N, C-alpha and C. Protein backbone atom coordinates (compact mmCIF):
# COMPACT_ATOMS: atom_id res chain seq x y z
N ASP A 1 -5.29 71.07 16.19
CA ASP A 1 -6.08 69.88 16.44
C ASP A 1 -5.21 68.67 16.11
N TYR A 2 -4.85 67.90 17.11
CA TYR A 2 -3.92 66.79 16.92
C TYR A 2 -4.59 65.43 17.00
N LYS A 3 -5.90 65.36 16.78
CA LYS A 3 -6.55 64.06 16.86
C LYS A 3 -6.18 63.16 15.69
N ASP A 4 -5.84 63.75 14.53
CA ASP A 4 -5.33 62.97 13.40
C ASP A 4 -3.82 63.09 13.43
N ARG A 5 -3.17 62.06 13.94
CA ARG A 5 -1.73 62.12 14.20
C ARG A 5 -0.92 61.43 13.11
N ASN A 6 -1.47 61.38 11.92
CA ASN A 6 -0.82 60.71 10.80
C ASN A 6 -0.43 61.73 9.74
N LEU A 7 0.72 61.52 9.12
CA LEU A 7 1.18 62.36 8.01
C LEU A 7 1.60 61.47 6.86
N ARG A 8 1.29 61.91 5.66
CA ARG A 8 1.74 61.20 4.46
C ARG A 8 2.35 62.24 3.52
N PHE A 9 3.58 61.99 3.12
CA PHE A 9 4.29 62.87 2.20
C PHE A 9 4.41 62.16 0.85
N GLU A 10 4.16 62.90 -0.21
CA GLU A 10 4.39 62.41 -1.57
C GLU A 10 5.32 63.41 -2.24
N PHE A 11 6.29 62.90 -3.00
CA PHE A 11 7.31 63.79 -3.55
C PHE A 11 7.74 63.30 -4.92
N ALA A 12 8.49 64.14 -5.63
CA ALA A 12 8.97 63.81 -6.97
C ALA A 12 10.30 64.52 -7.20
N ALA A 13 11.05 64.01 -8.14
CA ALA A 13 12.30 64.63 -8.60
C ALA A 13 12.13 64.89 -10.09
N PRO A 14 11.50 65.99 -10.48
CA PRO A 14 11.08 66.20 -11.87
C PRO A 14 12.21 66.41 -12.87
N PHE A 15 13.43 66.63 -12.42
CA PHE A 15 14.50 66.93 -13.36
C PHE A 15 15.36 65.72 -13.70
N PHE A 16 15.01 64.55 -13.19
CA PHE A 16 15.71 63.33 -13.56
C PHE A 16 15.13 62.82 -14.88
N GLU A 17 15.99 62.31 -15.76
CA GLU A 17 15.54 61.87 -17.08
C GLU A 17 14.76 60.57 -17.04
N ASP A 18 15.19 59.61 -16.24
CA ASP A 18 14.54 58.30 -16.19
C ASP A 18 13.94 58.11 -14.79
N GLU A 19 12.67 58.42 -14.65
CA GLU A 19 12.03 58.37 -13.33
C GLU A 19 12.05 56.97 -12.71
N SER A 20 12.12 55.94 -13.52
CA SER A 20 12.13 54.58 -12.98
C SER A 20 13.42 54.26 -12.24
N GLN A 21 14.45 55.06 -12.46
CA GLN A 21 15.74 54.83 -11.81
C GLN A 21 15.94 55.68 -10.55
N ILE A 22 15.01 56.55 -10.24
CA ILE A 22 15.14 57.44 -9.08
C ILE A 22 14.96 56.64 -7.79
N ARG A 23 15.79 56.93 -6.83
CA ARG A 23 15.67 56.35 -5.49
C ARG A 23 15.60 57.50 -4.49
N TYR A 24 14.80 57.31 -3.46
CA TYR A 24 14.59 58.33 -2.44
C TYR A 24 14.93 57.79 -1.06
N ARG A 25 15.28 58.69 -0.19
CA ARG A 25 15.36 58.36 1.22
C ARG A 25 14.87 59.56 2.00
N CYS A 26 14.32 59.29 3.19
CA CYS A 26 13.63 60.32 3.96
C CYS A 26 14.14 60.36 5.39
N PHE A 27 13.90 61.51 6.00
CA PHE A 27 14.27 61.70 7.39
C PHE A 27 13.31 62.71 7.99
N LEU A 28 12.66 62.36 9.09
CA LEU A 28 11.77 63.27 9.80
C LEU A 28 12.48 63.70 11.07
N GLU A 29 13.04 64.92 11.04
CA GLU A 29 13.74 65.44 12.21
C GLU A 29 12.75 65.59 13.36
N GLY A 30 13.16 65.16 14.52
CA GLY A 30 12.29 65.17 15.68
C GLY A 30 11.59 63.84 15.89
N TYR A 31 11.79 62.90 14.94
CA TYR A 31 11.15 61.59 15.04
C TYR A 31 12.12 60.46 14.67
N ASP A 32 12.64 60.49 13.45
CA ASP A 32 13.55 59.42 12.99
C ASP A 32 14.92 59.56 13.64
N LYS A 33 15.58 58.43 13.83
CA LYS A 33 16.94 58.44 14.35
C LYS A 33 17.97 58.47 13.23
N ASP A 34 17.58 58.03 12.05
CA ASP A 34 18.49 57.99 10.90
C ASP A 34 17.67 58.05 9.62
N TRP A 35 18.35 58.24 8.50
CA TRP A 35 17.68 58.24 7.20
C TRP A 35 17.09 56.86 6.92
N SER A 36 15.99 56.84 6.19
CA SER A 36 15.40 55.57 5.75
C SER A 36 16.30 54.94 4.69
N PRO A 37 16.14 53.65 4.43
CA PRO A 37 16.87 53.03 3.31
C PRO A 37 16.39 53.64 1.98
N TRP A 38 17.24 53.58 0.96
CA TRP A 38 16.86 54.06 -0.37
C TRP A 38 15.73 53.19 -0.92
N THR A 39 14.76 53.83 -1.58
CA THR A 39 13.61 53.12 -2.13
C THR A 39 13.11 53.84 -3.39
N ALA A 40 12.40 53.11 -4.23
CA ALA A 40 11.80 53.71 -5.43
C ALA A 40 10.45 54.36 -5.12
N GLU A 41 9.91 54.12 -3.94
CA GLU A 41 8.59 54.65 -3.57
C GLU A 41 8.67 56.16 -3.30
N PRO A 42 7.90 56.97 -4.05
CA PRO A 42 7.94 58.42 -3.85
C PRO A 42 6.95 58.90 -2.79
N GLN A 43 6.92 58.19 -1.68
CA GLN A 43 6.01 58.56 -0.59
C GLN A 43 6.53 58.01 0.73
N LYS A 44 6.10 58.65 1.80
CA LYS A 44 6.46 58.19 3.14
C LYS A 44 5.31 58.54 4.07
N GLU A 45 4.95 57.60 4.93
CA GLU A 45 3.84 57.80 5.86
C GLU A 45 4.33 57.61 7.29
N TYR A 46 3.86 58.48 8.15
CA TYR A 46 4.14 58.39 9.58
C TYR A 46 2.80 58.31 10.30
N THR A 47 2.72 57.45 11.30
CA THR A 47 1.48 57.29 12.05
C THR A 47 1.74 57.50 13.53
N ASN A 48 0.69 57.88 14.22
CA ASN A 48 0.72 58.01 15.68
C ASN A 48 1.78 58.99 16.17
N LEU A 49 1.93 60.12 15.47
CA LEU A 49 2.91 61.14 15.86
C LEU A 49 2.39 61.95 17.05
N ASP A 50 3.29 62.25 17.95
CA ASP A 50 2.95 63.17 19.03
C ASP A 50 2.98 64.60 18.49
N SER A 51 2.28 65.51 19.16
CA SER A 51 2.35 66.91 18.76
C SER A 51 3.78 67.39 18.96
N GLY A 52 4.23 68.29 18.12
CA GLY A 52 5.59 68.78 18.23
C GLY A 52 6.05 69.42 16.94
N LEU A 53 7.32 69.79 16.91
CA LEU A 53 7.92 70.43 15.76
C LEU A 53 8.74 69.40 14.99
N TYR A 54 8.44 69.21 13.72
CA TYR A 54 9.12 68.25 12.87
C TYR A 54 9.56 68.94 11.58
N THR A 55 10.65 68.45 11.01
CA THR A 55 11.09 68.89 9.69
C THR A 55 11.28 67.65 8.83
N PHE A 56 10.57 67.59 7.70
CA PHE A 56 10.68 66.44 6.80
C PHE A 56 11.73 66.75 5.74
N ARG A 57 12.63 65.80 5.53
CA ARG A 57 13.68 65.94 4.52
C ARG A 57 13.64 64.71 3.61
N VAL A 58 13.89 64.96 2.33
CA VAL A 58 13.95 63.86 1.36
C VAL A 58 15.13 64.11 0.43
N GLN A 59 15.82 63.04 0.06
CA GLN A 59 16.91 63.11 -0.90
C GLN A 59 16.59 62.17 -2.06
N ALA A 60 17.07 62.53 -3.24
CA ALA A 60 16.87 61.70 -4.43
C ALA A 60 18.23 61.46 -5.08
N ARG A 61 18.34 60.28 -5.69
CA ARG A 61 19.56 59.98 -6.47
C ARG A 61 19.20 59.15 -7.67
């Protein structure tokens, strides 16, 4: 059922000592052309996605 075409990902890096210093970037294969800029926000939302196969990737530093 693809009538709700929105996705929201929430993530964490639990092994970092100072969570306030963690930065994330995301990439949705099949949708994004490049990685997102680094951000402190531990979430990413996509709206109006077409049906298809996607792989969500996140990196932390």
